[in-house]
N, C-alpha and C. Protein backbone atom coordinates (compact mmCIF):
# COMPACT_ATOMS: atom_id res chain seq x y z
N UNK A 1 0.61 -0.95 -0.04
CA UNK A 1 0.14 -0.36 0.09
C UNK A 1 0.71 1.57 -0.36
N UNK A 2 0.27 2.32 -0.39
CA UNK A 2 0.88 3.62 -0.49
C UNK A 2 0.02 4.85 -0.14
N UNK A 3 0.88 5.43 0.49
CA UNK A 3 0.11 6.47 1.73
C UNK A 3 0.62 7.91 1.27
N UNK A 4 -0.24 8.68 1.58
CA UNK A 4 0.04 10.42 0.68
C UNK A 4 -0.37 11.43 2.04
N UNK A 5 0.85 11.38 2.11
CA UNK A 5 1.06 12.62 3.82
C UNK A 5 0.80 14.34 2.68
N UNK A 6 -0.94 15.15 2.67
CA UNK A 6 -0.07 16.46 2.48
C UNK A 6 -0.43 17.20 2.89
N UNK A 7 0.23 18.78 2.93
CA UNK A 7 0.58 19.66 3.76
C UNK A 7 1.25 20.92 2.85
N UNK A 8 0.23 21.99 3.75
CA UNK A 8 0.94 23.42 3.11
C UNK A 8 -0.53 24.38 2.92
N UNK A 9 -1.28 24.31 2.98
CA UNK A 9 -2.86 24.71 3.08
C UNK A 9 -3.15 25.66 4.22
N UNK A 10 -4.40 26.49 3.98
CA UNK A 10 -4.99 27.37 5.04
C UNK A 10 -5.27 28.46 3.61
N UNK A 11 -4.96 29.72 5.12
CA UNK A 11 -6.07 30.52 4.53
C UNK A 11 -4.97 32.19 3.65
N UNK A 12 -5.83 32.44 3.04
CA UNK A 12 -4.83 33.68 1.37
C UNK A 12 -5.66 34.42 1.26
N UNK A 13 -5.12 35.67 1.33
CA UNK A 13 -5.89 37.18 0.62
C UNK A 13 -5.45 36.56 -1.42
N UNK A 14 -6.26 36.80 -1.52
CA UNK A 14 -6.15 37.00 -3.39
C UNK A 14 -4.66 38.24 -3.65
N UNK A 15 -4.08 37.29 -5.25
CA UNK A 15 -2.85 37.60 -4.57
C UNK A 15 -1.98 37.33 -3.78
N UNK A 16 -2.27 36.09 -3.03
CA UNK A 16 -1.28 35.66 -2.40
C UNK A 16 -0.79 34.42 -2.79
N UNK A 17 0.46 33.61 -2.16
CA UNK A 17 0.43 32.77 -2.50
C UNK A 17 0.78 31.29 -1.29
N UNK A 18 0.76 30.26 -2.09
CA UNK A 18 1.36 29.28 -0.97
C UNK A 18 1.70 27.67 -1.33
N UNK A 19 2.41 27.02 -0.85
CA UNK A 19 2.67 25.84 -0.96
C UNK A 19 2.28 24.71 -0.97
N UNK A 20 1.89 24.11 -1.80
CA UNK A 20 2.00 22.64 -0.96
C UNK A 20 2.97 21.54 -1.21
N UNK A 21 2.57 20.82 -0.38
CA UNK A 21 3.84 19.57 -0.28
C UNK A 21 2.75 17.87 -0.38
N UNK A 22 3.57 16.84 -0.58
CA UNK A 22 2.82 16.20 -0.44
C UNK A 22 3.99 14.35 -0.91
N UNK A 23 3.61 13.95 -0.22
CA UNK A 23 5.02 13.02 0.23
C UNK A 23 4.56 11.17 0.49
N UNK A 24 5.55 10.56 -0.25
CA UNK A 24 4.52 9.30 -0.77
C UNK A 24 5.18 8.02 0.30
N UNK A 25 4.78 7.35 0.87
CA UNK A 25 5.66 6.28 1.52
C UNK A 25 4.87 4.48 1.51
N UNK A 26 5.30 3.60 1.93
CA UNK A 26 4.81 2.71 1.71
C UNK A 26 5.23 2.03 0.73
N UNK A 27 4.86 0.25 0.48
CA UNK A 27 5.13 -0.10 -0.67
C UNK A 27 5.99 0.84 -2.40
N UNK A 28 6.78 1.89 -1.98
CA UNK A 28 6.71 2.08 -3.52
C UNK A 28 7.66 1.35 -4.42
N UNK A 29 8.20 1.11 -5.84
CA UNK A 29 8.98 1.14 -6.17
C UNK A 29 9.11 1.75 -7.46
N UNK A 30 8.50 1.84 -8.04
CA UNK A 30 8.47 3.69 -9.15
C UNK A 30 7.32 3.94 -9.32
N UNK A 31 7.37 5.42 -8.81
CA UNK A 31 6.60 6.70 -9.93
C UNK A 31 6.62 6.88 -11.03
N UNK A 32 4.91 6.88 -11.44
CA UNK A 32 4.85 7.85 -12.57
C UNK A 32 4.87 8.69 -12.83
N UNK A 33 3.12 9.06 -12.50
CA UNK A 33 2.78 10.69 -12.62
C UNK A 33 2.67 10.65 -11.22
N UNK A 34 3.11 12.20 -10.72
CA UNK A 34 2.19 12.63 -9.74
C UNK A 34 1.93 13.98 -9.93
N UNK A 35 0.40 14.19 -9.48
CA UNK A 35 0.12 15.40 -9.60
C UNK A 35 -0.89 16.09 -8.53
N UNK A 36 -1.65 17.07 -8.78
CA UNK A 36 -2.92 17.85 -7.61
C UNK A 36 -4.13 17.90 -8.87
N UNK A 37 -5.44 17.72 -8.35
CA UNK A 37 -6.87 17.91 -7.96
C UNK A 37 -7.57 18.36 -7.13
N UNK A 38 -8.01 18.99 -7.29
CA UNK A 38 -9.17 19.49 -6.56
C UNK A 38 -10.71 19.75 -7.06
N UNK A 39 -11.57 20.36 -6.10
CA UNK A 39 -13.13 20.31 -4.89
C UNK A 39 -13.02 21.20 -4.43
N UNK A 40 -13.69 21.89 -5.71
CA UNK A 40 -14.87 22.99 -4.71
C UNK A 40 -15.96 22.50 -4.17
N UNK A 41 -17.06 23.20 -3.43
CA UNK A 41 -18.38 22.59 -2.58
C UNK A 41 -19.31 22.52 -3.78
N UNK A 42 -19.96 21.82 -4.28
CA UNK A 42 -20.79 20.87 -4.72
C UNK A 42 -20.22 21.15 -6.31
N UNK A 43 -19.04 20.77 -6.26
CA UNK A 43 -18.58 20.86 -7.89
C UNK A 43 -17.75 19.36 -8.25
N UNK A 44 -17.21 19.00 -8.85
CA UNK A 44 -16.61 17.69 -9.29
C UNK A 44 -15.23 17.69 -9.53
N UNK A 45 -14.03 16.69 -9.22
CA UNK A 45 -12.69 17.04 -8.58
C UNK A 45 -12.32 17.53 -10.14
N UNK A 46 -11.61 18.25 -10.29
CA UNK A 46 -10.84 18.65 -11.67
C UNK A 46 -8.92 19.05 -11.20
N UNK A 47 -8.83 18.37 -11.97
CA UNK A 47 -7.08 18.38 -12.74
C UNK A 47 -6.51 20.08 -12.35
N UNK A 48 -5.13 19.94 -11.82
CA UNK A 48 -5.08 20.62 -11.92
C UNK A 48 -3.58 21.03 -12.45
N UNK A 49 -2.67 19.86 -12.26
CA UNK A 49 -1.70 19.48 -13.12
C UNK A 49 -1.08 18.33 -12.40
N UNK A 50 -0.38 17.92 -13.35
CA UNK A 50 0.68 16.75 -13.32
C UNK A 50 1.95 16.97 -13.70
N UNK A 51 2.95 16.14 -13.44
CA UNK A 51 3.91 15.93 -13.89
C UNK A 51 4.54 14.51 -13.73
N UNK A 52 5.14 14.38 -14.86
CA UNK A 52 5.47 12.97 -15.46
C UNK A 52 7.40 12.74 -14.73
N UNK A 53 7.13 11.24 -14.65
CA UNK A 53 8.69 10.98 -14.25
C UNK A 53 9.97 11.51 -14.83
N UNK A 54 9.59 10.94 -16.37
CA UNK A 54 10.86 12.42 -16.85
C UNK A 54 10.71 13.95 -16.61
N UNK A 55 9.69 14.44 -16.34
CA UNK A 55 9.91 16.32 -15.72
C UNK A 55 8.40 16.78 -16.88
N UNK A 56 7.73 16.43 -17.65
CA UNK A 56 7.49 17.03 -18.70
C UNK A 56 6.00 17.33 -17.42
N UNK A 57 5.15 18.12 -17.93
CA UNK A 57 4.77 19.03 -16.86
C UNK A 57 2.63 19.10 -18.20
N UNK A 58 1.54 19.46 -17.47
CA UNK A 58 0.60 19.67 -17.82
C UNK A 58 0.38 20.49 -16.47
N UNK A 59 -1.27 21.46 -17.22
CA UNK A 59 -1.85 22.54 -16.81
C UNK A 59 -3.26 23.03 -16.68
N UNK A 60 -3.99 22.63 -16.03
CA UNK A 60 -5.48 23.25 -16.33
C UNK A 60 -5.18 24.73 -17.25
N UNK A 61 -5.97 25.03 -17.82
CA UNK A 61 -5.88 26.27 -17.99
C UNK A 61 -6.08 27.28 -17.19
N UNK A 62 -7.46 27.15 -16.23
CA UNK A 62 -7.83 28.00 -15.20
C UNK A 62 -6.62 28.19 -14.50
N UNK A 63 -5.01 27.59 -14.45
CA UNK A 63 -4.08 27.69 -13.25
C UNK A 63 -2.26 27.71 -14.58
N UNK A 64 -1.87 28.12 -15.62
CA UNK A 64 -1.56 28.31 -16.30
C UNK A 64 -0.93 29.67 -16.22
N UNK A 65 0.63 29.23 -15.60
CA UNK A 65 1.40 31.26 -15.57
C UNK A 65 1.59 31.20 -14.14
N UNK A 66 0.77 30.80 -13.62
CA UNK A 66 0.11 31.29 -11.76
C UNK A 66 0.58 29.58 -11.12
N UNK A 67 0.31 28.50 -11.12
CA UNK A 67 1.07 27.07 -10.14
C UNK A 67 1.47 26.71 -11.23
N UNK A 68 2.92 25.98 -9.88
CA UNK A 68 3.68 25.44 -10.91
C UNK A 68 4.30 24.16 -10.06
N UNK A 69 4.11 22.62 -10.89
CA UNK A 69 4.05 21.75 -10.55
C UNK A 69 5.30 21.28 -10.60
N UNK A 70 6.52 20.59 -8.95
CA UNK A 70 7.78 19.93 -9.71
C UNK A 70 7.79 18.55 -8.69
N UNK A 71 8.42 18.00 -8.56
CA UNK A 71 8.52 16.54 -8.17
C UNK A 71 10.20 16.42 -7.16
N UNK A 72 10.24 15.81 -6.22
CA UNK A 72 11.59 15.50 -5.85
C UNK A 72 11.37 13.86 -5.87
N UNK A 73 12.57 12.93 -6.86
CA UNK A 73 12.06 11.69 -6.78
C UNK A 73 12.83 11.00 -5.56
N UNK A 74 14.35 11.25 -4.71
CA UNK A 74 14.93 10.89 -4.11
C UNK A 74 13.31 11.16 -3.11
N UNK A 75 12.65 12.16 -2.81
CA UNK A 75 12.13 11.89 -1.51
C UNK A 75 10.37 11.12 -1.10
N UNK A 76 10.76 11.13 -2.80
CA UNK A 76 9.26 10.34 -3.21
C UNK A 76 7.94 11.74 -2.83
N UNK A 77 8.17 12.83 -3.52
CA UNK A 77 7.42 14.54 -2.58
C UNK A 77 6.89 14.97 -4.16
N UNK A 78 6.29 15.70 -4.19
CA UNK A 78 5.33 16.53 -4.92
C UNK A 78 5.27 17.48 -4.68
N UNK A 79 5.18 18.88 -5.15
CA UNK A 79 5.31 20.37 -4.41
C UNK A 79 3.49 20.70 -5.52
N UNK A 80 3.45 22.15 -5.59
CA UNK A 80 2.67 23.03 -6.04
C UNK A 80 2.87 24.02 -5.73
N UNK A 81 3.49 24.85 -6.09
CA UNK A 81 3.77 26.02 -5.69
C UNK A 81 2.59 27.32 -6.36
N UNK A 82 1.61 28.11 -5.64
CA UNK A 82 0.55 28.72 -6.13
C UNK A 82 0.78 30.01 -5.81
N UNK A 83 0.65 30.68 -7.26
CA UNK A 83 0.84 32.33 -6.69
C UNK A 83 -0.14 33.25 -7.43
N UNK A 84 -0.52 34.24 -7.09
CA UNK A 84 -1.21 35.06 -8.00
C UNK A 84 -3.02 34.27 -7.25
N UNK A 85 -2.93 34.49 -6.73
CA UNK A 85 -4.05 33.01 -5.94
C UNK A 85 -5.49 33.97 -5.83
N UNK A 86 -6.39 33.00 -6.96
CA UNK A 86 -8.02 33.95 -6.64
C UNK A 86 -8.90 32.83 -5.70
N UNK A 87 -10.14 33.80 -5.70
CA UNK A 87 -10.54 33.11 -4.83
C UNK A 87 -11.45 31.95 -5.70
N UNK A 88 -11.56 32.38 -7.19
CA UNK A 88 -11.53 30.75 -7.38
C UNK A 88 -10.92 29.48 -6.83
N UNK A 89 -9.90 29.94 -6.64
CA UNK A 89 -9.01 28.97 -6.36
C UNK A 89 -9.64 28.22 -5.04
N UNK A 90 -10.41 28.80 -4.09
CA UNK A 90 -10.62 27.85 -2.84
C UNK A 90 -11.74 26.65 -3.57
N UNK A 91 -10.40 25.78 -2.92
CA UNK A 91 -11.10 24.18 -2.79
C UNK A 91 -10.59 23.75 -1.67
N UNK A 92 -10.66 21.77 -1.83
CA UNK A 92 -9.99 20.71 -0.92
C UNK A 92 -8.76 20.19 -2.08
N UNK A 93 -7.57 20.81 -1.90
CA UNK A 93 -6.88 19.87 -2.42
C UNK A 93 -5.95 18.25 -2.53
N UNK A 94 -5.91 17.91 -3.71
CA UNK A 94 -5.76 16.35 -3.15
C UNK A 94 -5.01 15.76 -4.07
N UNK A 95 -3.73 15.05 -3.48
CA UNK A 95 -2.82 14.81 -4.82
C UNK A 95 -2.66 13.17 -4.64
N UNK A 96 -1.93 13.30 -6.03
CA UNK A 96 -2.70 12.16 -6.51
C UNK A 96 -1.01 10.98 -7.25
N UNK A 97 -1.14 9.35 -6.81
CA UNK A 97 -0.05 9.46 -7.76
C UNK A 97 -0.33 8.22 -8.13
N UNK A 98 0.41 7.54 -9.28
CA UNK A 98 0.42 6.12 -10.11
C UNK A 98 1.70 5.99 -10.30
N UNK A 99 1.54 4.43 -10.10
CA UNK A 99 2.90 3.67 -9.85
C UNK A 99 3.32 2.97 -11.03
N UNK A 100 4.89 2.64 -11.69
CA UNK A 100 5.08 2.40 -13.07
C UNK A 100 4.28 1.26 -12.90
N UNK A 101 3.90 0.30 -13.84
CA UNK A 101 2.84 -0.90 -14.55
C UNK A 101 2.18 -0.97 -13.74
N UNK A 102 1.18 0.13 -13.48
CA UNK A 102 -0.40 0.07 -12.41
C UNK A 102 -1.30 1.26 -12.54
N UNK A 103 -2.25 0.02 -13.12
CA UNK A 103 -3.01 1.57 -13.34
C UNK A 103 -4.51 1.33 -12.30
N UNK A 104 -3.27 2.54 -10.97
CA UNK A 104 -4.60 2.36 -10.02
C UNK A 104 -3.87 3.51 -9.60
N UNK A 105 -4.67 5.03 -8.84
CA UNK A 105 -4.70 6.04 -7.94
C UNK A 105 -4.60 6.01 -6.85
N UNK A 106 -3.25 6.02 -5.99
CA UNK A 106 -3.74 6.80 -4.63
C UNK A 106 -3.95 8.04 -4.38
N UNK A 107 -4.16 8.33 -3.25
CA UNK A 107 -4.84 9.55 -3.36
C UNK A 107 -4.36 9.94 -1.60
N UNK A 108 -4.26 11.51 -1.85
CA UNK A 108 -3.93 11.55 -0.19
C UNK A 108 -5.03 12.38 0.45
N UNK A 109 -5.07 12.69 2.00
CA UNK A 109 -6.12 12.68 2.34
C UNK A 109 -6.97 14.44 1.89
N UNK A 110 -6.49 14.79 1.51
CA UNK A 110 -6.57 16.52 0.83
C UNK A 110 -6.68 17.78 1.90
N UNK A 111 -6.00 18.87 1.53
CA UNK A 111 -5.64 19.71 1.96
C UNK A 111 -6.65 20.91 1.59
N UNK A 112 -7.48 21.40 3.11
CA UNK A 112 -8.04 23.07 2.46
C UNK A 112 -6.85 24.26 1.97
N UNK A 113 -6.99 25.54 0.92
CA UNK A 113 -7.21 26.21 -0.08
C UNK A 113 -8.29 27.02 0.21
N UNK A 114 -7.91 28.12 1.14
CA UNK A 114 -8.84 29.30 1.23
C UNK A 114 -8.65 30.79 0.71
N UNK A 115 -9.03 31.31 -0.44
CA UNK A 115 -8.33 32.43 -0.74
C UNK A 115 -9.51 33.46 -0.64
N UNK A 116 -9.26 34.38 0.41
CA UNK A 116 -10.46 35.57 0.41
C UNK A 116 -10.21 36.61 -0.23
N UNK A 117 -11.68 37.05 -0.88
CA UNK A 117 -11.48 39.03 -1.25
C UNK A 117 -11.21 40.34 -0.79
C-alpha cells in the first residue's frame, strides 16, 4: 500500500501564495505520474496539474502561469507552488500518485486552500 501525506494548505488573501507538499511512503517501487486535483463545494474534482517521471508537466488552463508543479524523486514528494491566488482557487486540494506498471490511483487526504477577496 502507498500512503500520501499532504501539507501546506491554509487561508490567504487574493494575490497571495501558498506551497503545497505531498510525500509518498509505503510499498513504492517506482512512481510514474504525480499530480494535484481540487474539488470545490458542490463541484466535481478537477485536474490542476500533473508531472511525469521525466519532468514533463501539464496544467489546467485556469492555473497556467500562476501555479508550478515540481517533484523530488529521491524523497517521493510532489509540490505545488501557487501564486497570484484568486477566490475561485478555493477548494480542497488532493495529491495523486500512479505507480509504474499499475493502472491505479493513490490519493492524499486533502488539504484546504481558502482564498479571501
